[in-house]
PDB file of N, CA and C in Angstrom:
ATOM      1  N   MET A   1     -56.738 109.732   6.186  1.00  0.00           N
ATOM      2  CA  MET A   1     -56.039 108.616   5.842  1.00  0.00           C
ATOM      3  C   MET A   1     -56.038 108.620   4.298  1.00  0.00           C
ATOM      4  N   THR A   2     -54.469 108.365   3.191  1.00  0.00           N
ATOM      5  CA  THR A   2     -54.738 107.826   1.855  1.00  0.00           C
ATOM      6  C   THR A   2     -55.011 107.047   2.006  1.00  0.00           C
ATOM      7  N   ASN A   3     -55.765 106.169   0.648  1.00  0.00           N
ATOM      8  CA  ASN A   3     -56.213 105.187   0.054  1.00  0.00           C
ATOM      9  C   ASN A   3     -55.528 105.373  -0.906  1.00  0.00           C
ATOM     10  N   ILE A   4     -54.566 104.726  -1.149  1.00  0.00           N
ATOM     11  CA  ILE A   4     -54.082 104.385  -2.464  1.00  0.00           C
ATOM     12  C   ILE A   4     -54.351 103.287  -2.821  1.00  0.00           C
ATOM     13  N   GLN A   5     -54.787 103.053  -4.807  1.00  0.00           N
ATOM     14  CA  GLN A   5     -54.815 102.446  -5.131  1.00  0.00           C
ATOM     15  C   GLN A   5     -54.848 101.963  -6.815  1.00  0.00           C
ATOM     16  N   GLN A   6     -52.953 101.125  -6.403  1.00  0.00           N
ATOM     17  CA  GLN A   6     -51.469 101.286  -7.337  1.00  0.00           C
ATOM     18  C   GLN A   6     -52.360  99.861  -8.024  1.00  0.00           C
ATOM     19  N   ASN A   7     -52.652  98.999  -7.826  1.00  0.00           N
ATOM     20  CA  ASN A   7     -53.078  97.818  -8.868  1.00  0.00           C
ATOM     21  C   ASN A   7     -54.786  97.812  -9.538  1.00  0.00           C
ATOM     22  N   ASN A   8     -55.134  99.060  -9.020  1.00  0.00           N
ATOM     23  CA  ASN A   8     -56.374  99.132  -9.450  1.00  0.00           C
ATOM     24  C   ASN A   8     -56.432  99.762 -10.942  1.00  0.00           C
ATOM     25  N   PRO A   9     -56.371  99.242 -12.290  1.00  0.00           N
ATOM     26  CA  PRO A   9     -56.710 100.103 -13.010  1.00  0.00           C
ATOM     27  C   PRO A   9     -57.711 101.148 -13.737  1.00  0.00           C
ATOM     28  N   LEU A  10     -58.628 100.843 -12.785  1.00  0.00           N
ATOM     29  CA  LEU A  10     -59.440 101.639 -13.031  1.00  0.00           C
ATOM     30  C   LEU A  10     -59.717 102.998 -12.299  1.00  0.00           C
ATOM     31  N   HIS A  11     -58.387 102.938 -11.310  1.00  0.00           N
ATOM     32  CA  HIS A  11     -58.978 104.246 -10.209  1.00  0.00           C
ATOM     33  C   HIS A  11     -58.217 105.278 -11.012  1.00  0.00           C
ATOM     34  N   GLY A  12     -59.253 106.681 -11.072  1.00  0.00           N
ATOM     35  CA  GLY A  12     -59.358 107.512 -11.458  1.00  0.00           C
ATOM     36  C   GLY A  12     -58.975 108.023 -13.441  1.00  0.00           C
ATOM     37  N   VAL A  13     -60.031 106.524 -13.698  1.00  0.00           N
ATOM     38  CA  VAL A  13     -60.590 106.412 -14.965  1.00  0.00           C
ATOM     39  C   VAL A  13     -62.426 107.111 -14.908  1.00  0.00           C
ATOM     40  N   THR A  14     -62.366 108.265 -15.219  1.00  0.00           N
ATOM     41  CA  THR A  14     -63.805 108.993 -15.575  1.00  0.00           C
ATOM     42  C   THR A  14     -64.677 107.810 -16.349  1.00  0.00           C
ATOM     43  N   LEU A  15     -65.822 107.244 -15.851  1.00  0.00           N
ATOM     44  CA  LEU A  15     -66.432 106.500 -17.082  1.00  0.00           C
ATOM     45  C   LEU A  15     -67.112 107.263 -18.147  1.00  0.00           C
ATOM     46  N   GLU A  16     -66.881 108.490 -18.796  1.00  0.00           N
ATOM     47  CA  GLU A  16     -66.566 109.170 -19.914  1.00  0.00           C
ATOM     48  C   GLU A  16     -65.557 109.158 -20.335  1.00  0.00           C
ATOM     49  N   LYS A  17     -64.318 109.088 -19.960  1.00  0.00           N
ATOM     50  CA  LYS A  17     -62.961 108.563 -21.023  1.00  0.00           C
ATOM     51  C   LYS A  17     -62.846 107.167 -21.026  1.00  0.00           C
ATOM     52  N   LEU A  18     -63.658 106.314 -20.226  1.00  0.00           N
ATOM     53  CA  LEU A  18     -63.540 105.085 -20.575  1.00  0.00           C
ATOM     54  C   LEU A  18     -64.222 104.448 -21.866  1.00  0.00           C
ATOM     55  N   LEU A  19     -65.905 105.329 -21.430  1.00  0.00           N
ATOM     56  CA  LEU A  19     -66.308 105.031 -22.725  1.00  0.00           C
ATOM     57  C   LEU A  19     -65.260 105.609 -23.896  1.00  0.00           C
ATOM     58  N   ASN A  20     -65.043 106.762 -23.863  1.00  0.00           N
ATOM     59  CA  ASN A  20     -64.671 107.276 -25.365  1.00  0.00           C
ATOM     60  C   ASN A  20     -63.165 106.224 -25.781  1.00  0.00           C
ATOM     61  N   GLU A  21     -62.672 105.646 -25.067  1.00  0.00           N
ATOM     62  CA  GLU A  21     -61.740 105.183 -25.297  1.00  0.00           C
ATOM     63  C   GLU A  21     -62.068 103.839 -25.639  1.00  0.00           C
ATOM     64  N   LEU A  22     -63.143 102.892 -25.414  1.00  0.00           N
ATOM     65  CA  LEU A  22     -63.997 101.955 -25.891  1.00  0.00           C
ATOM     66  C   LEU A  22     -64.591 102.098 -26.805  1.00  0.00           C
ATOM     67  N   VAL A  23     -64.845 103.085 -27.468  1.00  0.00           N
ATOM     68  CA  VAL A  23     -65.710 103.395 -28.950  1.00  0.00           C
ATOM     69  C   VAL A  23     -64.364 104.006 -29.457  1.00  0.00           C
ATOM     70  N   ALA A  24     -63.469 104.160 -29.548  1.00  0.00           N
ATOM     71  CA  ALA A  24     -62.097 104.632 -30.406  1.00  0.00           C
ATOM     72  C   ALA A  24     -61.426 103.651 -30.939  1.00  0.00           C
ATOM     73  N   PHE A  25     -61.137 102.531 -29.689  1.00  0.00           N
ATOM     74  CA  PHE A  25     -61.068 100.918 -30.175  1.00  0.00           C
ATOM     75  C   PHE A  25     -61.672  99.910 -30.571  1.00  0.00           C
ATOM     76  N   TYR A  26     -63.409  99.668 -30.543  1.00  0.00           N
ATOM     77  CA  TYR A  26     -64.174  98.999 -31.052  1.00  0.00           C
ATOM     78  C   TYR A  26     -65.282  99.368 -32.086  1.00  0.00           C
ATOM     79  N   GLY A  27     -65.147 100.399 -31.932  1.00  0.00           N
ATOM     80  CA  GLY A  27     -66.089 101.058 -32.616  1.00  0.00           C
ATOM     81  C   GLY A  27     -67.430 100.982 -32.145  1.00  0.00           C
ATOM     82  N   TRP A  28     -68.494 101.699 -32.519  1.00  0.00           N
ATOM     83  CA  TRP A  28     -69.916 101.587 -31.403  1.00  0.00           C
ATOM     84  C   TRP A  28     -71.017 100.164 -31.904  1.00  0.00           C
ATOM     85  N   GLN A  29     -70.944  99.927 -33.583  1.00  0.00           N
ATOM     86  CA  GLN A  29     -71.112  98.199 -33.971  1.00  0.00           C
ATOM     87  C   GLN A  29     -70.584  97.153 -33.088  1.00  0.00           C
ATOM     88  N   ALA A  30     -69.252  97.178 -33.645  1.00  0.00           N
ATOM     89  CA  ALA A  30     -68.541  96.151 -32.166  1.00  0.00           C
ATOM     90  C   ALA A  30     -69.389  96.406 -30.796  1.00  0.00           C
ATOM     91  N   LEU A  31     -68.586  97.580 -30.524  1.00  0.00           N
ATOM     92  CA  LEU A  31     -69.014  97.877 -29.351  1.00  0.00           C
ATOM     93  C   LEU A  31     -70.535  96.707 -28.299  1.00  0.00           C
ATOM     94  N   GLY A  32     -71.347  97.563 -29.672  1.00  0.00           N
ATOM     95  CA  GLY A  32     -72.969  96.682 -29.073  1.00  0.00           C
ATOM     96  C   GLY A  32     -72.932  95.097 -29.294  1.00  0.00           C
ATOM     97  N   LYS A  33     -71.931  94.581 -30.622  1.00  0.00           N
ATOM     98  CA  LYS A  33     -72.169  93.313 -30.566  1.00  0.00           C
ATOM     99  C   LYS A  33     -71.560  92.396 -28.906  1.00  0.00           C
ATOM    100  N   GLN A  34     -70.738  93.114 -28.240  1.00  0.00           N
ATOM    101  CA  GLN A  34     -69.989  93.134 -27.292  1.00  0.00           C
ATOM    102  C   GLN A  34     -70.491  92.650 -26.369  1.00  0.00           C
ATOM    103  N   ILE A  35     -71.634  93.719 -26.087  1.00  0.00           N
ATOM    104  CA  ILE A  35     -72.259  93.978 -24.804  1.00  0.00           C
ATOM    105  C   ILE A  35     -73.796  94.641 -25.934  1.00  0.00           C
ATOM    106  N   ASP A  36     -74.697  93.674 -25.565  1.00  0.00           N
ATOM    107  CA  ASP A  36     -75.805  93.940 -26.394  1.00  0.00           C
ATOM    108  C   ASP A  36     -76.925  95.130 -25.591  1.00  0.00           C
ATOM    109  N   ILE A  37     -76.760  96.324 -25.672  1.00  0.00           N
ATOM    110  CA  ILE A  37     -77.740  97.136 -25.231  1.00  0.00           C
ATOM    111  C   ILE A  37     -77.936  97.970 -26.005  1.00  0.00           C
ATOM    112  N   ARG A  38     -79.470  99.079 -25.644  1.00  0.00           N
ATOM    113  CA  ARG A  38     -79.706  99.807 -27.177  1.00  0.00           C
ATOM    114  C   ARG A  38     -79.383 101.005 -26.922  1.00  0.00           C
ATOM    115  N   CYS A  39     -78.640 101.531 -26.403  1.00  0.00           N
ATOM    116  CA  CYS A  39     -77.593 102.988 -26.189  1.00  0.00           C
ATOM    117  C   CYS A  39     -76.297 102.489 -26.577  1.00  0.00           C
ATOM    118  N   PHE A  40     -76.025 101.168 -27.203  1.00  0.00           N
ATOM    119  CA  PHE A  40     -74.858 101.378 -27.869  1.00  0.00           C
ATOM    120  C   PHE A  40     -75.220 100.973 -29.467  1.00  0.00           C
ATOM    121  N   THR A  41     -76.408 100.262 -29.387  1.00  0.00           N
ATOM    122  CA  THR A  41     -77.073  99.606 -30.884  1.00  0.00           C
ATOM    123  C   THR A  41     -78.266 100.633 -31.771  1.00  0.00           C
ATOM    124  N   GLN A  42     -78.434 101.514 -30.920  1.00  0.00           N
ATOM    125  CA  GLN A  42     -79.691 102.071 -31.652  1.00  0.00           C
ATOM    126  C   GLN A  42     -79.358 103.978 -31.448  1.00  0.00           C
ATOM    127  N   ASP A  43     -78.730 104.257 -32.682  1.00  0.00           N
ATOM    128  CA  ASP A  43     -78.686 105.641 -31.850  1.00  0.00           C
ATOM    129  C   ASP A  43     -77.745 105.739 -31.146  1.00  0.00           C
ATOM    130  N   PRO A  44     -76.481 105.473 -31.415  1.00  0.00           N
ATOM    131  CA  PRO A  44     -75.619 105.516 -30.026  1.00  0.00           C
ATOM    132  C   PRO A  44     -74.879 106.976 -29.463  1.00  0.00           C
ATOM    133  N   SER A  45     -74.812 107.188 -29.076  1.00  0.00           N
ATOM    134  CA  SER A  45     -74.235 108.780 -28.337  1.00  0.00           C
ATOM    135  C   SER A  45     -73.027 108.503 -27.116  1.00  0.00           C
ATOM    136  N   ILE A  46     -72.158 109.382 -27.153  1.00  0.00           N
ATOM    137  CA  ILE A  46     -71.611 109.147 -25.526  1.00  0.00           C
ATOM    138  C   ILE A  46     -72.748 109.527 -24.010  1.00  0.00           C
ATOM    139  N   ALA A  47     -73.655 110.548 -24.157  1.00  0.00           N
ATOM    140  CA  ALA A  47     -74.495 110.804 -23.811  1.00  0.00           C
ATOM    141  C   ALA A  47     -75.597 109.983 -22.951  1.00  0.00           C
ATOM    142  N   SER A  48     -76.204 109.654 -23.875  1.00  0.00           N
ATOM    143  CA  SER A  48     -76.722 108.298 -23.875  1.00  0.00           C
ATOM    144  C   SER A  48     -76.197 107.138 -22.824  1.00  0.00           C
ATOM    145  N   SER A  49     -75.008 106.841 -23.375  1.00  0.00           N
ATOM    146  CA  SER A  49     -74.354 105.620 -22.662  1.00  0.00           C
ATOM    147  C   SER A  49     -73.970 106.453 -21.466  1.00  0.00           C
ATOM    148  N   LEU A  50     -73.562 107.327 -20.928  1.00  0.00           N
ATOM    149  CA  LEU A  50     -73.440 107.538 -19.950  1.00  0.00           C
ATOM    150  C   LEU A  50     -74.461 107.485 -18.929  1.00  0.00           C
ATOM    151  N   LYS A  51     -75.532 108.345 -19.291  1.00  0.00           N
ATOM    152  CA  LYS A  51     -76.905 108.338 -18.863  1.00  0.00           C
ATOM    153  C   LYS A  51     -77.679 107.173 -18.219  1.00  0.00           C
ATOM    154  N   PHE A  52     -77.351 105.736 -19.035  1.00  0.00           N
ATOM    155  CA  PHE A  52     -77.753 104.554 -19.137  1.00  0.00           C
ATOM    156  C   PHE A  52     -76.631 104.100 -17.357  1.00  0.00           C
ATOM    157  N   LEU A  53     -75.522 103.632 -18.009  1.00  0.00           N
ATOM    158  CA  LEU A  53     -74.427 102.882 -17.536  1.00  0.00           C
ATOM    159  C   LEU A  53     -74.591 103.757 -15.707  1.00  0.00           C
ATOM    160  N   ARG A  54     -74.630 105.032 -15.785  1.00  0.00           N
ATOM    161  CA  ARG A  54     -74.839 105.415 -14.322  1.00  0.00           C
ATOM    162  C   ARG A  54     -75.654 104.897 -13.822  1.00  0.00           C
ATOM    163  N   ARG A  55     -77.213 104.913 -13.795  1.00  0.00           N
ATOM    164  CA  ARG A  55     -78.170 103.832 -13.713  1.00  0.00           C
ATOM    165  C   ARG A  55     -78.357 102.405 -13.521  1.00  0.00           C
ATOM    166  N   THR A  56     -77.385 101.953 -14.287  1.00  0.00           N
ATOM    167  CA  THR A  56     -77.280 100.593 -14.615  1.00  0.00           C
ATOM    168  C   THR A  56     -76.059  99.758 -13.872  1.00  0.00           C
ATOM    169  N   PRO A  57     -76.021  99.407 -12.460  1.00  0.00           N
ATOM    170  CA  PRO A  57     -74.903  98.695 -12.192  1.00  0.00           C
ATOM    171  C   PRO A  57     -74.452  97.633 -12.977  1.00  0.00           C
ATOM    172  N   TRP A  58     -75.388  96.517 -13.351  1.00  0.00           N
ATOM    173  CA  TRP A  58     -74.754  95.552 -14.106  1.00  0.00           C
ATOM    174  C   TRP A  58     -74.398  95.389 -15.488  1.00  0.00           C
ATOM    175  N   ALA A  59     -74.604  97.241 -16.132  1.00  0.00           N
ATOM    176  CA  ALA A  59     -74.365  97.396 -17.581  1.00  0.00           C
ATOM    177  C   ALA A  59     -72.734  97.542 -17.343  1.00  0.00           C
ATOM    178  N   ARG A  60     -72.470  98.582 -16.260  1.00  0.00           N
ATOM    179  CA  ARG A  60     -71.234  99.311 -15.746  1.00  0.00           C
ATOM    180  C   ARG A  60     -70.613  98.261 -15.838  1.00  0.00           C
ATOM    181  N   GLU A  61     -70.584  97.748 -15.202  1.00  0.00           N
ATOM    182  CA  GLU A  61     -69.671  96.366 -14.995  1.00  0.00           C
ATOM    183  C   GLU A  61     -69.430  95.488 -15.685  1.00  0.00           C
ATOM    184  N   ARG A  62     -70.127  95.644 -16.811  1.00  0.00           N
ATOM    185  CA  ARG A  62     -69.588  94.721 -17.773  1.00  0.00           C
ATOM    186  C   ARG A  62     -68.504  95.780 -19.092  1.00  0.00           C
ATOM    187  N   VAL A  63     -69.144  96.630 -19.095  1.00  0.00           N
ATOM    188  CA  VAL A  63     -68.131  98.132 -19.583  1.00  0.00           C
ATOM    189  C   VAL A  63     -67.419  97.941 -19.467  1.00  0.00           C
ATOM    190  N   GLU A  64     -66.980  98.447 -17.795  1.00  0.00           N
ATOM    191  CA  GLU A  64     -65.686  98.065 -17.011  1.00  0.00           C
ATOM    192  C   GLU A  64     -64.713  96.910 -17.325  1.00  0.00           C
ATOM    193  N   SER A  65     -65.595  95.230 -17.254  1.00  0.00           N
ATOM    194  CA  SER A  65     -65.067  94.310 -17.640  1.00  0.00           C
ATOM    195  C   SER A  65     -64.824  94.439 -19.021  1.00  0.00           C
ATOM    196  N   LEU A  66     -64.762  94.821 -20.271  1.00  0.00           N
ATOM    197  CA  LEU A  66     -64.798  94.772 -21.240  1.00  0.00           C
ATOM    198  C   LEU A  66     -63.913  95.536 -21.359  1.00  0.00           C
ATOM    199  N   TYR A  67     -63.390  97.400 -20.552  1.00  0.00           N
ATOM    200  CA  TYR A  67     -62.680  97.944 -20.975  1.00  0.00           C
ATOM    201  C   TYR A  67     -60.796  97.373 -20.339  1.00  0.00           C
ATOM    202  N   LEU A  68     -61.150  96.778 -19.350  1.00  0.00           N
ATOM    203  CA  LEU A  68     -60.317  95.874 -19.048  1.00  0.00           C
ATOM    204  C   LEU A  68     -59.291  94.781 -20.155  1.00  0.00           C
ATOM    205  N   ASP A  69     -60.535  93.980 -20.615  1.00  0.00           N
ATOM    206  CA  ASP A  69     -60.027  93.399 -21.743  1.00  0.00           C
ATOM    207  C   ASP A  69     -58.867  94.154 -22.655  1.00  0.00           C
ATOM    208  N   MET A  70     -59.458  95.062 -22.850  1.00  0.00           N
ATOM    209  CA  MET A  70     -58.932  96.133 -23.781  1.00  0.00           C
ATOM    210  C   MET A  70     -57.494  96.285 -23.257  1.00  0.00           C
ATOM    211  N   LEU A  71     -57.361  97.016 -22.215  1.00  0.00           N
ATOM    212  CA  LEU A  71     -55.789  96.998 -21.590  1.00  0.00           C
ATOM    213  C   LEU A  71     -55.085  96.137 -21.758  1.00  0.00           C
ATOM    214  N   ARG A  72     -55.694  94.776 -21.560  1.00  0.00           N
ATOM    215  CA  ARG A  72     -55.095  93.551 -21.526  1.00  0.00           C
ATOM    216  C   ARG A  72     -54.536  93.001 -22.919  1.00  0.00           C
ATOM    217  N   GLN A  73     -55.439  93.498 -24.262  1.00  0.00           N
ATOM    218  CA  GLN A  73     -54.913  93.234 -25.157  1.00  0.00           C
ATOM    219  C   GLN A  73     -54.464  94.502 -25.325  1.00  0.00           C
ATOM    220  N   ALA A  74     -54.103  95.746 -25.213  1.00  0.00           N
ATOM    221  CA  ALA A  74     -53.165  96.793 -25.887  1.00  0.00           C
ATOM    222  C   ALA A  74     -51.974  96.594 -25.273  1.00  0.00           C
ATOM    223  N   ALA A  75     -51.669  95.652 -24.102  1.00  0.00           N
ATOM    224  CA  ALA A  75     -50.610  95.303 -23.295  1.00  0.00           C
ATOM    225  C   ALA A  75     -49.633  94.228 -24.068  1.00  0.00           C
ATOM    226  N   LYS A  76     -50.443  93.245 -24.740  1.00  0.00           N
ATOM    227  CA  LYS A  76     -49.795  92.225 -25.504  1.00  0.00           C
ATOM    228  C   LYS A  76     -48.951  92.788 -26.339  1.00  0.00           C
ATOM    229  N   PRO A  77     -47.644  92.665 -26.582  1.00  0.00           N
ATOM    230  CA  PRO A  77     -46.337  92.413 -27.544  1.00  0.00           C
ATOM    231  C   PRO A  77     -46.969  92.083 -28.926  1.00  0.00           C
TER     232      PRO A  77
END
């Protein structure tokens, strides 16, 4: 059975792509102010952030929420 998620903006978006788009939109410094975690504020990198976010559900939820907010901001005229 095929499970289509038409209304889920996170469907098909990898964590790496999501993080790259957030960094491109906000930058590391602003991202660290939005979500205060060390992988964003101290020597940030995509690799270290992915490792942390994959192991930490509460941080991943915050990042996904910020990504959805970014999509809403980008959709506004």
